[in-house]
Amino acid sequence: MNEIKTAFEMNPLFTIGCLLFMIGISVFCFGKKFFLFRLFFGDRSMFSQIFWGLIFSGIGLLLILFFKQF
C-alpha cells in the first residue's frame, strides 16, 4: 500500500494517468447510461462512446506505464 501512496505523491503524471484511465473505463462502460457523458461528447453513437473510452483509457494506461516508480 505504501508503494501506491508514494507513487501518487512523488509523480503527478502517474496520478493523472490513473485518473484518465478511470475516466476512459467509465466512458467505455457507462457512457450510454450517464446523460452528462452523452451531452459532453455530443454524440449518441455507441461507436463514438467506445472510441473515446478506449482513447482516454489508452492514454491513461500509457502514462501509468511510462511514469511508474519501480
Foldseek 3Di string as FASTA:
>chain_A
DVLVVCLVVVPVLLVVLVVLLVVLVCLLPPVQPDPVSCVVVVDNDNVVSNVSSCVSNVSSVVSNVVSRDD
